[in-house]
């Protein structure tokens, strides 16, 4: 029996859509999930996939035609099957069919039924980067939206992560500047300084409050109803706040974010073992600090307290710090941190932590015991699944499994951000939140594209990357590598920041940029340019036709691209 292809209702207020182009001709074979045609709806284009495999036996509405929602535009059936005629067994009687379209169009054009106070088009659980962005985007598209947040709006990034740590790291940068001053001919009366930790924390809190108030203001300006409390989904797919208030939703966006990861080590429960959340409110600088985990957060906070005067030891079980970045970047960062006095132990596991009331004794494999006033547990974050409540979602390694539209295994429930574990970065969560919102409101049409998502570590020097590492690229492609040291960059030398490099990884066949890795000044800013180049699929030979301002740090990216082609002007000629 033939399957109807209908004009979808892809938005709350959508009444009709225009067929831009059929990608298949009558009689051609069609595979399930294959793009059948392109549709324009309210100035937004979308692709319509085939719901099953077969043959496109009839096109009812052709290219350029505007068709009311739910009207039949084609049929998929078996090879040689004849499409049903009006009045046949699997189509409506002629008089009914002739009336149905105007009726449906009229119904769709009628004013939207006013929802009750507790009814919403979209309820978002979580007010972090994915959640508040999803809520605002859904409201922009005309949806009635509520957002539930159990703590502070802005989420982990704003309150306990990105912003607070960068506030602390700016202090570390200033201290490095003080220490560099005499080398630059700036003679201070005294190079002695002290850290007023309560004041440092106070400034951090003020900055965080400004930004959280800003998020609240944005939500309010978009007429989004805000609820403070724990939101959970019940078996009826409603959202229950604090076990009492029931919010009825057409669609749910589950953006619960993440929480601090735990590890089972004897003695880890000591109150001298702090999490990354705890240490951001510490009122006294510890004389010594052992960082358990050499990932991004551990290394950033380790450098903060090193600059504040703490004796810092980092213990990492992997063979290198920040193992997610390019191997060479990790090595250079380690070298620079060790120059500053940080002790780093890699390929090392902690066996036990003993609290004697004054200090911690941290017993590790293959090394002497570490005696430390405080320890920082920083082994990463894990999805916060509390909001799932009473429904069952398909999971994958402790993370909610989603498709390319950010939809979960339960139709109508979307899960963008850290909760799905795809890329646990605030800026990735922003985009995932937008995608989830647009698909929840307008129907699944916008896919998630995270291939050129950059990442950065805000140490001194900064580390940033986008795309494949050199090791990953060599496994998949025949590559060439271009590199330029900041020691040969005029701006870096003038600024006293010569450490690091820019590395560009290129596919030999097409000169396509596969990855960019930066260690050095302004790496976190420069990587956005690299991400843009990759997203636009600009090749290295096109990059070197661009004129870069001089002197700038970003010239190092230009030179690295030129080096990949053996055309770098400011590098010694390579011997063949």
Protein backbone atom coordinates (compact mmCIF):
# COMPACT_ATOMS: atom_id res chain seq x y z
CA UNK A 1 0.00 0.00 0.00
CA UNK A 2 1.34 3.40 -0.99
CA UNK A 3 2.56 5.81 1.69
CA UNK A 4 1.46 9.43 1.53
CA UNK A 5 4.04 12.23 1.50
CA UNK A 6 2.39 15.28 3.07
CA UNK A 7 3.30 18.91 3.58
CA UNK A 8 4.49 18.95 7.21
CA UNK A 9 3.35 21.43 9.84
CA UNK A 10 6.79 22.63 10.88
CA UNK A 11 5.84 25.52 13.11
CA UNK A 12 3.20 26.63 15.54
CA UNK A 13 1.71 29.18 13.15
CA UNK A 14 2.58 27.52 9.84
CA UNK A 15 -0.35 27.21 7.42
CA UNK A 16 1.42 26.39 4.16
CA UNK A 17 4.77 25.62 2.60
CA UNK A 18 6.35 26.08 -0.80
CA UNK A 19 8.05 23.17 -2.58
CA UNK A 20 11.46 24.44 -3.68
CA UNK A 21 12.70 21.30 -5.37
CA UNK A 22 12.01 17.57 -5.51
CA UNK A 23 15.30 15.69 -5.24
CA UNK A 24 13.76 12.58 -6.81
CA UNK A 25 11.85 12.03 -10.02
CA UNK A 26 8.77 9.84 -10.40
CA UNK A 27 9.79 6.21 -10.60
CA UNK A 28 13.14 6.67 -8.83
CA UNK A 29 14.13 4.53 -5.86
CA UNK A 30 13.99 6.13 -2.40
CA UNK A 31 15.76 5.02 0.78
CA UNK A 32 14.38 5.67 4.26
CA UNK A 33 15.91 8.87 5.67
CA UNK A 34 16.94 10.11 2.22
CA UNK A 35 16.14 13.76 1.44
CA UNK A 36 13.06 13.77 -0.81
CA UNK A 37 12.53 17.48 -1.32
CA UNK A 38 13.26 20.96 -0.04
CA UNK A 39 10.53 23.15 1.39
CA UNK A 40 10.35 26.86 2.23
CA UNK A 41 8.30 27.76 5.30
CA UNK A 42 8.00 31.29 6.66
CA UNK A 43 11.29 32.22 4.96
CA UNK A 44 13.03 29.20 6.51
CA UNK A 45 14.08 26.33 4.28
CA UNK A 46 13.94 22.74 5.47
CA UNK A 47 14.53 19.28 4.04
CA UNK A 48 11.89 16.55 4.12
CA UNK A 49 13.15 13.00 4.59
CA UNK A 50 11.51 9.84 3.26
CA UNK A 51 9.74 7.97 6.05
CA UNK A 52 10.29 4.59 4.39
CA UNK A 53 12.12 2.93 1.49
CA UNK A 54 10.43 2.29 -1.86
CA UNK A 55 9.85 4.18 -5.10
CA UNK A 56 8.50 7.69 -5.68
CA UNK A 57 5.46 6.48 -7.64
CA UNK A 58 3.74 9.89 -7.98
CA UNK A 59 4.44 13.58 -7.47
CA UNK A 60 1.14 15.32 -6.74
CA UNK A 61 2.51 18.84 -6.23
CA UNK A 62 5.52 20.00 -8.22
CA UNK A 63 8.40 22.44 -7.80
CA UNK A 64 7.34 25.99 -6.97
CA UNK A 65 3.84 25.09 -5.79
CA UNK A 66 2.58 26.41 -2.47
CA UNK A 67 0.66 23.79 -0.53
CA UNK A 68 -1.41 23.96 2.70
CA UNK A 69 -0.05 21.93 5.61
CA UNK A 70 -1.07 18.25 5.80
CA UNK A 71 -2.04 18.12 2.10
CA UNK A 72 -0.72 15.15 0.11
CA UNK A 73 2.18 16.13 -2.18
CA UNK A 74 3.34 12.70 -3.31
CA UNK A 75 3.30 8.91 -2.82
CA UNK A 76 5.98 6.31 -2.04
CA UNK A 77 5.17 2.70 -2.89
CA UNK A 78 6.45 -0.56 -4.37
CA UNK A 79 8.06 -0.68 -7.82
CA UNK A 80 5.33 -0.59 -10.46
CA UNK A 81 2.59 0.27 -7.95
CA UNK A 82 -0.06 2.71 -9.13
CA UNK A 83 -0.74 5.71 -6.93
CA UNK A 84 -4.29 5.86 -5.53
CA UNK A 85 -6.84 8.04 -7.27
CA UNK A 86 -9.33 10.30 -5.58
CA UNK A 87 -12.08 8.17 -4.04
CA UNK A 88 -9.98 4.97 -3.89
CA UNK A 89 -9.72 2.83 -0.79
CA UNK A 90 -6.77 4.58 0.79
CA UNK A 91 -7.71 8.16 0.00
CA UNK A 92 -10.58 10.28 1.21
CA UNK A 93 -13.81 10.54 -0.89
CA UNK A 94 -13.64 13.27 -3.46
CA UNK A 95 -16.10 15.57 -1.73
CA UNK A 96 -14.28 15.12 1.60
CA UNK A 97 -10.91 15.71 0.01
CA UNK A 98 -12.08 18.81 -1.75
CA UNK A 99 -13.30 20.20 1.55
CA UNK A 100 -10.49 19.04 3.82
CA UNK A 101 -7.78 21.39 2.59
CA UNK A 102 -9.74 24.63 3.05
CA UNK A 103 -10.92 23.38 6.41
CA UNK A 104 -7.40 22.59 7.52
CA UNK A 105 -6.08 25.88 6.17
CA UNK A 106 -8.84 27.76 7.91
CA UNK A 107 -8.19 25.92 11.15
CA UNK A 108 -4.50 26.66 10.91
CA UNK A 109 -5.14 30.34 10.25
CA UNK A 110 -7.44 30.66 13.25
CA UNK A 111 -5.99 32.47 16.26
CA UNK A 112 -3.96 30.17 18.45
CA UNK A 113 -5.96 28.92 21.41
CA UNK A 114 -4.96 30.77 24.56
CA UNK A 115 -3.07 28.50 26.93
CA UNK A 116 -3.86 28.29 30.60
CA UNK A 117 -1.45 29.80 33.11
CA UNK A 118 0.23 26.43 33.73
CA UNK A 119 0.35 25.44 30.04
CA UNK A 120 3.33 26.16 27.78
CA UNK A 121 4.51 25.42 24.26
CA UNK A 122 8.00 24.79 25.63
CA UNK A 123 9.25 24.12 29.16
CA UNK A 124 13.02 24.28 29.58
CA UNK A 125 14.63 22.56 32.57
CA UNK A 126 17.92 24.27 33.33
CA UNK A 127 18.91 27.92 33.03
CA UNK A 128 22.52 27.43 31.95
CA UNK A 129 24.08 28.13 28.53
CA UNK A 130 21.95 25.57 26.68
CA UNK A 131 18.80 26.24 28.68
CA UNK A 132 18.51 30.01 28.72
CA UNK A 133 19.55 30.28 25.05
CA UNK A 134 16.95 27.64 24.10
CA UNK A 135 14.28 29.48 26.08
CA UNK A 136 15.04 32.83 24.44
CA UNK A 137 15.21 31.35 20.92
CA UNK A 138 11.90 29.53 21.42
CA UNK A 139 10.31 32.77 22.63
CA UNK A 140 11.69 34.63 19.59
CA UNK A 141 9.88 32.06 17.44
CA UNK A 142 6.57 32.86 19.12
CA UNK A 143 6.34 30.06 21.68
CA UNK A 144 5.02 30.46 25.21
CA UNK A 145 8.02 29.41 27.31
CA UNK A 146 8.86 28.59 30.91
CA UNK A 147 12.32 27.86 32.29
CA UNK A 148 13.10 26.07 35.55
CA UNK A 149 16.46 26.53 37.29
CA UNK A 150 17.39 24.88 40.59
CA UNK A 151 20.25 27.24 41.42
CA UNK A 152 21.33 30.45 39.69
CA UNK A 153 20.49 31.39 36.12
CA UNK A 154 23.53 31.26 33.87
CA UNK A 155 24.48 27.71 34.94
CA UNK A 156 27.87 26.28 35.82
CA UNK A 157 29.82 28.34 33.29
CA UNK A 158 28.66 31.68 34.60
CA UNK A 159 28.48 30.85 38.31
CA UNK A 160 31.10 28.16 38.97
CA UNK A 161 33.21 27.78 35.83
CA UNK A 162 34.16 29.96 32.87
CA UNK A 163 33.56 33.41 34.34
CA UNK A 164 34.83 32.95 37.95
CA UNK A 165 37.97 31.13 36.83
CA UNK A 166 38.74 33.80 34.23
CA UNK A 167 38.34 36.45 36.92
CA UNK A 168 40.94 34.63 39.03
CA UNK A 169 43.19 34.03 36.02
CA UNK A 170 43.25 37.76 35.23
CA UNK A 171 44.84 38.23 38.66
CA UNK A 172 47.47 35.64 37.74
CA UNK A 173 48.14 37.55 34.51
CA UNK A 174 48.56 40.84 36.42
CA UNK A 175 50.99 39.20 38.85
CA UNK A 176 53.05 37.91 35.93
CA UNK A 177 53.08 41.47 34.59
CA UNK A 178 54.39 42.79 37.91
CA UNK A 179 57.15 40.20 37.89
CA UNK A 180 58.04 41.12 34.28
CA UNK A 181 58.03 44.89 34.91
CA UNK A 182 61.68 45.25 35.92
CA UNK A 183 62.82 43.37 32.81
CA UNK A 184 60.97 45.97 30.75
CA UNK A 185 62.58 48.91 32.49
CA UNK A 186 59.66 49.62 34.81
CA UNK A 187 61.24 49.98 38.24
CA UNK A 188 58.73 49.64 41.04
CA UNK A 189 59.52 50.97 44.50
CA UNK A 190 58.77 47.47 45.74
CA UNK A 191 57.90 44.28 43.94
CA UNK A 192 56.30 42.90 47.10
CA UNK A 193 52.56 42.37 47.05
CA UNK A 194 49.93 40.47 48.99
CA UNK A 195 46.72 38.82 47.90
CA UNK A 196 43.54 39.89 49.68
CA UNK A 197 41.61 36.70 49.02
CA UNK A 198 38.24 37.86 50.42
CA UNK A 199 38.44 40.87 48.08
CA UNK A 200 39.36 38.60 45.14
CA UNK A 201 36.28 36.46 45.87
CA UNK A 202 34.11 39.56 46.35
CA UNK A 203 35.04 40.92 42.92
CA UNK A 204 34.35 37.52 41.38
CA UNK A 205 30.91 37.48 43.06
CA UNK A 206 30.10 40.99 41.82
CA UNK A 207 30.97 40.08 38.23
CA UNK A 208 28.93 36.87 38.45
CA UNK A 209 25.96 38.75 39.91
CA UNK A 210 26.07 41.31 37.10
CA UNK A 211 25.94 38.55 34.50
CA UNK A 212 23.28 36.43 36.23
CA UNK A 213 21.09 39.53 36.54
CA UNK A 214 21.72 40.09 32.84
CA UNK A 215 20.48 36.58 32.00
CA UNK A 216 17.36 37.12 34.13
CA UNK A 217 16.78 40.42 32.37
CA UNK A 218 17.02 38.79 28.94
CA UNK A 219 14.56 36.07 29.94
CA UNK A 220 12.16 38.64 31.36
CA UNK A 221 12.36 40.85 28.27
CA UNK A 222 11.33 37.83 26.17
CA UNK A 223 8.31 37.24 28.46
CA UNK A 224 9.64 33.88 29.64
CA UNK A 225 8.19 32.61 32.90
CA UNK A 226 10.98 31.78 35.37
CA UNK A 227 10.78 29.22 38.15
CA UNK A 228 13.44 28.61 40.80
CA UNK A 229 13.47 25.03 42.01
CA UNK A 230 14.15 21.44 41.03
CA UNK A 231 12.28 20.52 37.86
CA UNK A 232 11.56 16.87 37.06
CA UNK A 233 9.58 15.21 34.28
CA UNK A 234 6.68 13.03 35.46
CA UNK A 235 5.19 10.00 33.70
CA UNK A 236 2.66 12.25 31.91
CA UNK A 237 5.53 14.29 30.40
CA UNK A 238 4.71 17.31 32.51
CA UNK A 239 7.38 19.20 34.46
CA UNK A 240 6.97 19.24 38.22
CA UNK A 241 8.78 21.98 40.17
CA UNK A 242 9.83 21.13 43.74
CA UNK A 243 7.39 18.24 43.74
CA UNK A 244 4.42 20.64 43.77
CA UNK A 245 3.92 23.00 40.84
CA UNK A 246 2.95 21.21 37.62
CA UNK A 247 3.86 22.82 34.28
CA UNK A 248 2.13 21.30 31.26
CA UNK A 249 4.25 21.39 28.13
CA UNK A 250 3.79 20.54 24.45
CA UNK A 251 7.57 20.05 24.23
CA UNK A 252 10.33 19.81 26.85
CA UNK A 253 13.94 20.91 26.53
CA UNK A 254 16.03 19.09 29.10
CA UNK A 255 19.15 21.19 29.74
CA UNK A 256 20.24 20.07 33.20
CA UNK A 257 23.93 20.64 32.50
CA UNK A 258 26.61 18.87 34.49
CA UNK A 259 27.98 18.45 38.00
CA UNK A 260 31.39 17.82 39.53
CA UNK A 261 32.69 14.30 38.93
CA UNK A 262 33.60 12.13 41.92
CA UNK A 263 36.25 9.44 42.40
CA UNK A 264 36.44 6.58 44.87
CA UNK A 265 39.71 7.10 46.78
CA UNK A 266 40.08 6.33 50.50
CA UNK A 267 40.07 9.67 52.33
CA UNK A 268 38.55 11.68 49.47
CA UNK A 269 35.68 12.72 51.78
CA UNK A 270 38.02 14.97 53.85
CA UNK A 271 36.83 18.59 54.09
CA UNK A 272 40.33 19.61 53.04
CA UNK A 273 39.64 18.08 49.61
CA UNK A 274 37.86 20.84 47.71
CA UNK A 275 35.90 20.71 44.46
CA UNK A 276 36.24 23.32 41.74
CA UNK A 277 32.99 24.79 43.12
CA UNK A 278 34.41 25.07 46.66
CA UNK A 279 37.78 26.60 45.84
CA UNK A 280 36.23 29.59 44.07
CA UNK A 281 34.94 30.80 47.45
CA UNK A 282 38.06 30.03 49.50
CA UNK A 283 38.94 32.86 51.89
CA UNK A 284 42.56 31.97 52.61
CA UNK A 285 45.30 30.98 50.18
CA UNK A 286 46.66 27.52 51.06
CA UNK A 287 50.42 27.24 51.52
CA UNK A 288 50.32 24.07 49.45
CA UNK A 289 47.74 22.63 47.06
CA UNK A 290 47.61 19.26 45.34
CA UNK A 291 45.47 19.22 42.22
CA UNK A 292 43.92 15.82 41.56
CA UNK A 293 43.44 15.77 37.80
CA UNK A 294 45.44 17.64 35.18
CA UNK A 295 42.54 18.55 32.91
CA UNK A 296 41.52 22.05 31.86
CA UNK A 297 39.97 23.21 35.14
CA UNK A 298 42.70 21.64 37.28
CA UNK A 299 45.51 23.24 35.29
CA UNK A 300 43.80 26.66 35.17
CA UNK A 301 43.10 26.75 38.91
CA UNK A 302 46.50 25.24 39.64
CA UNK A 303 48.17 28.16 37.87
CA UNK A 304 45.93 30.64 39.71
CA UNK A 305 47.03 29.43 43.12
CA UNK A 306 50.63 29.04 41.97
CA UNK A 307 50.64 32.74 41.09
CA UNK A 308 48.98 33.51 44.47
CA UNK A 309 51.93 31.88 46.22
CA UNK A 310 50.77 28.30 46.85
CA UNK A 311 53.12 25.38 46.29
CA UNK A 312 51.20 23.45 43.62
CA UNK A 313 51.51 19.79 42.64
CA UNK A 314 49.36 18.33 39.85
CA UNK A 315 48.68 14.59 39.77
CA UNK A 316 47.34 13.22 36.48
CA UNK A 317 46.74 9.53 35.74
CA UNK A 318 47.13 9.98 31.96
CA UNK A 319 50.52 10.32 30.29
CA UNK A 320 50.18 14.09 29.83
CA UNK A 321 48.24 17.07 31.14
CA UNK A 322 45.12 18.30 29.31
CA UNK A 323 45.09 15.05 27.29
CA UNK A 324 42.34 16.31 24.99
CA UNK A 325 44.62 18.80 23.25
CA UNK A 326 47.33 18.18 20.69
CA UNK A 327 50.27 16.26 22.17
CA UNK A 328 52.78 18.98 21.25
CA UNK A 329 50.58 21.69 22.80
CA UNK A 330 50.38 19.69 26.02
CA UNK A 331 54.18 19.31 26.13
CA UNK A 332 54.82 23.03 25.62
CA UNK A 333 52.25 24.03 28.26
CA UNK A 334 53.79 21.60 30.75
CA UNK A 335 57.27 23.01 30.12
CA UNK A 336 56.08 26.58 30.68
CA UNK A 337 54.18 25.72 33.88
CA UNK A 338 57.13 23.82 35.29
CA UNK A 339 59.32 26.86 34.57
CA UNK A 340 56.96 28.85 36.82
CA UNK A 341 57.38 26.32 39.63
CA UNK A 342 54.45 23.92 39.23
CA UNK A 343 55.26 20.29 39.99
CA UNK A 344 53.50 17.91 37.59
CA UNK A 345 53.23 14.13 37.96
CA UNK A 346 51.74 12.25 35.01
CA UNK A 347 50.95 8.54 34.59
CA UNK A 348 50.38 8.63 38.35
CA UNK A 349 47.51 7.27 40.43
CA UNK A 350 46.51 8.26 43.95
CA UNK A 351 46.14 5.33 46.36
CA UNK A 352 44.98 7.06 49.53
CA UNK A 353 44.49 10.45 51.19
CA UNK A 354 45.19 10.74 54.92
CA UNK A 355 43.97 13.76 56.91
CA UNK A 356 45.91 14.22 60.17
CA UNK A 357 43.89 17.29 61.17
CA UNK A 358 46.49 19.76 59.92
CA UNK A 359 47.59 18.53 56.50
CA UNK A 360 46.80 15.91 53.90
CA UNK A 361 49.21 13.12 53.11
CA UNK A 362 48.53 11.97 49.55
CA UNK A 363 49.95 8.56 48.77
CA UNK A 364 50.72 8.00 45.09
CA UNK A 365 52.12 5.17 42.99
CA UNK A 366 55.81 5.43 42.10
CA UNK A 367 56.51 8.66 44.00
CA UNK A 368 57.07 9.93 47.52
CA UNK A 369 54.04 10.91 49.56
CA UNK A 370 52.78 14.44 48.91
CA UNK A 371 52.08 16.53 52.02
CA UNK A 372 49.60 19.29 51.26
CA UNK A 373 47.44 21.75 53.18
CA UNK A 374 44.57 21.42 50.70
CA UNK A 375 43.68 19.34 47.66
CA UNK A 376 41.55 20.21 44.66
CA UNK A 377 39.49 17.42 43.13
CA UNK A 378 39.27 18.21 39.44
CA UNK A 379 38.63 15.08 37.42
CA UNK A 380 36.03 16.60 35.11
CA UNK A 381 32.27 16.91 35.11
CA UNK A 382 29.45 14.46 34.47
CA UNK A 383 25.89 15.04 33.16
CA UNK A 384 23.34 16.03 35.80
CA UNK A 385 20.43 13.66 35.16
CA UNK A 386 18.20 14.64 38.08
CA UNK A 387 15.57 16.25 35.86
CA UNK A 388 14.80 13.03 33.92
CA UNK A 389 12.43 12.13 36.72
CA UNK A 390 9.92 9.38 35.90
CA UNK A 391 10.55 8.88 32.20
CA UNK A 392 12.97 6.50 30.55
CA UNK A 393 15.42 7.88 28.00
CA UNK A 394 17.95 5.98 25.94
CA UNK A 395 21.36 6.48 27.53
CA UNK A 396 24.92 6.04 26.32
CA UNK A 397 27.75 5.79 28.88
CA UNK A 398 25.83 7.79 31.46
CA UNK A 399 24.79 10.48 28.99
CA UNK A 400 21.44 11.14 27.32
CA UNK A 401 21.52 9.95 23.72
CA UNK A 402 20.23 12.49 21.20
CA UNK A 403 19.96 12.61 17.43
CA UNK A 404 21.24 15.32 15.10
CA UNK A 405 18.20 17.45 15.98
CA UNK A 406 18.96 17.26 19.74
CA UNK A 407 15.87 15.10 20.25
CA UNK A 408 15.98 12.20 22.71
CA UNK A 409 14.51 8.73 22.29
CA UNK A 410 11.23 10.14 23.60
CA UNK A 411 9.57 12.32 20.91
CA UNK A 412 9.07 15.90 21.99
CA UNK A 413 11.87 15.89 24.58
CA UNK A 414 15.15 17.52 23.55
CA UNK A 415 18.45 17.45 25.48
CA UNK A 416 21.08 20.05 24.47
CA UNK A 417 24.28 20.92 26.33
CA UNK A 418 26.44 19.07 28.84
CA UNK A 419 23.66 16.63 29.65
CA UNK A 420 24.26 14.79 26.36
CA UNK A 421 28.05 14.79 26.77
CA UNK A 422 28.77 15.47 23.07
CA UNK A 423 30.89 18.59 23.68
CA UNK A 424 30.90 19.88 27.24
CA UNK A 425 31.65 23.49 26.39
CA UNK A 426 29.46 26.52 27.07
CA UNK A 427 29.70 27.85 23.51
CA UNK A 428 28.77 24.43 22.10
CA UNK A 429 25.81 24.42 24.51
CA UNK A 430 24.69 27.82 23.15
CA UNK A 431 24.41 26.41 19.64
CA UNK A 432 22.84 23.12 20.79
CA UNK A 433 20.25 25.12 22.72
CA UNK A 434 19.36 27.13 19.62
CA UNK A 435 19.05 23.96 17.53
CA UNK A 436 16.84 22.26 20.13
CA UNK A 437 14.57 25.30 20.39
CA UNK A 438 14.11 25.74 16.66
CA UNK A 439 13.35 22.05 16.18
CA UNK A 440 10.98 21.92 19.15
CA UNK A 441 9.00 24.89 17.83
CA UNK A 442 9.22 24.42 14.07
CA UNK A 443 9.67 20.67 13.67
CA UNK A 444 12.98 18.86 13.22
CA UNK A 445 14.84 20.63 10.42
CA UNK A 446 18.03 22.19 11.80
CA UNK A 447 20.95 19.83 12.40
CA UNK A 448 23.68 20.23 14.96
CA UNK A 449 27.09 21.10 13.49
CA UNK A 450 29.89 20.98 16.04
CA UNK A 451 32.85 19.89 13.90
CA UNK A 452 34.52 23.29 14.01
CA UNK A 453 33.82 24.06 17.67
CA UNK A 454 36.93 25.66 19.17
CA UNK A 455 38.17 25.13 22.72
CA UNK A 456 40.59 27.07 24.89
CA UNK A 457 42.59 26.84 28.10
CA UNK A 458 43.14 30.22 29.77
CA UNK A 459 46.53 29.59 31.30
CA UNK A 460 49.60 31.75 30.71
CA UNK A 461 50.39 30.93 27.94
CA UNK A 462 46.91 30.24 26.59
CA UNK A 463 46.18 27.05 24.67
CA UNK A 464 43.49 26.73 22.01
CA UNK A 465 42.47 24.23 19.35
CA UNK A 466 39.88 23.43 16.72
CA UNK A 467 39.47 20.31 14.60
CA UNK A 468 41.71 17.25 14.64
CA UNK A 469 44.90 16.82 16.62
CA UNK A 470 47.99 15.83 14.65
CA UNK A 471 47.72 12.23 15.92
CA UNK A 472 44.03 12.03 14.93
CA UNK A 473 44.68 13.53 11.51
CA UNK A 474 47.51 11.10 10.70
CA UNK A 475 45.18 8.17 11.38
CA UNK A 476 42.66 9.38 8.77
CA UNK A 477 44.52 11.46 6.18
CA UNK A 478 47.76 12.01 4.33
CA UNK A 479 48.73 15.31 5.94
CA UNK A 480 51.25 18.10 5.98
CA UNK A 481 51.93 20.34 8.94
CA UNK A 482 52.74 24.04 8.99
CA UNK A 483 54.12 25.65 12.16
CA UNK A 484 55.29 29.06 13.27
CA UNK A 485 56.87 29.90 16.63
CA UNK A 486 55.82 33.03 18.53
CA UNK A 487 59.53 33.57 19.20
CA UNK A 488 59.69 34.75 15.57
CA UNK A 489 56.60 36.98 15.84
CA UNK A 490 57.28 40.69 16.25
CA UNK A 491 54.21 41.47 18.40
CA UNK A 492 54.92 38.53 20.74
CA UNK A 493 58.56 39.55 21.20
CA UNK A 494 57.64 43.19 21.80
CA UNK A 495 55.08 42.08 24.38
CA UNK A 496 57.46 39.71 26.15
CA UNK A 497 55.37 36.65 25.27
CA UNK A 498 57.53 34.52 22.97
CA UNK A 499 56.51 31.07 24.27
CA UNK A 500 54.43 28.81 22.06
CA UNK A 501 53.47 28.33 18.43
CA UNK A 502 50.69 28.06 15.86
CA UNK A 503 50.32 24.70 14.16
CA UNK A 504 48.12 24.11 11.11
CA UNK A 505 47.29 20.56 9.99
CA UNK A 506 46.41 20.27 6.31
CA UNK A 507 45.07 17.54 4.04
CA UNK A 508 47.69 17.07 1.29
CA UNK A 509 45.15 16.25 -1.39
CA UNK A 510 42.92 19.32 -1.16
CA UNK A 511 44.90 21.72 1.09
CA UNK A 512 41.89 21.67 3.44
CA UNK A 513 42.57 22.75 7.03
CA UNK A 514 41.90 19.79 9.34
CA UNK A 515 43.01 21.30 12.62
CA UNK A 516 44.64 24.34 14.19
CA UNK A 517 46.53 24.36 17.49
CA UNK A 518 47.80 27.45 19.26
CA UNK A 519 49.92 27.86 22.38
CA UNK A 520 50.72 31.46 23.15
CA UNK A 521 49.34 34.99 23.60
CA UNK A 522 45.70 35.59 22.65
CA UNK A 523 45.31 31.96 21.58
CA UNK A 524 41.68 31.93 22.76
CA UNK A 525 40.88 34.90 20.52
CA UNK A 526 42.87 33.72 17.50
CA UNK A 527 41.24 30.30 17.45
CA UNK A 528 37.90 31.85 16.46
CA UNK A 529 39.43 32.97 13.17
CA UNK A 530 40.74 29.44 12.59
CA UNK A 531 37.31 28.01 13.37
CA UNK A 532 35.72 30.39 10.86
CA UNK A 533 38.22 29.46 8.16
CA UNK A 534 37.49 25.77 8.69
CA UNK A 535 33.71 26.26 8.77
CA UNK A 536 33.89 28.06 5.42
CA UNK A 537 36.22 25.35 4.08
CA UNK A 538 38.85 27.89 3.10
CA UNK A 539 42.10 26.22 2.00
CA UNK A 540 45.60 27.26 3.14
CA UNK A 541 46.47 28.62 -0.32
CA UNK A 542 43.45 30.95 -0.01
CA UNK A 543 44.46 32.02 3.52
CA UNK A 544 47.88 33.26 2.41
CA UNK A 545 46.23 35.59 -0.11
CA UNK A 546 44.72 37.51 2.81
CA UNK A 547 46.61 40.59 4.04
CA UNK A 548 47.13 40.45 7.83
CA UNK A 549 47.85 43.54 9.90
CA UNK A 550 51.44 43.89 11.16
CA UNK A 551 52.54 43.51 13.88
CA UNK A 552 49.88 41.15 15.23
CA UNK A 553 49.82 37.79 16.98
CA UNK A 554 47.53 36.45 14.24
CA UNK A 555 50.33 36.78 11.68
CA UNK A 556 51.59 33.54 13.21
CA UNK A 557 48.48 31.79 11.84
CA UNK A 558 49.19 33.23 8.39
CA UNK A 559 52.82 32.08 8.55
CA UNK A 560 51.85 28.58 9.71
CA UNK A 561 49.50 28.27 6.72
CA UNK A 562 52.29 29.45 4.44
CA UNK A 563 54.70 26.97 6.04
CA UNK A 564 52.31 24.12 5.19
CA UNK A 565 52.86 25.09 1.55
CA UNK A 566 56.63 25.65 2.01
CA UNK A 567 56.04 29.34 1.26
CA UNK A 568 56.69 30.94 4.65
CA UNK A 569 58.74 34.11 4.21
CA UNK A 570 59.77 34.51 7.84
CA UNK A 571 61.10 31.00 8.39
CA UNK A 572 64.50 29.63 7.33
CA UNK A 573 64.33 27.64 4.14
CA UNK A 574 63.72 23.96 4.74
CA UNK A 575 66.32 21.49 3.60
CA UNK A 576 64.89 18.85 1.31
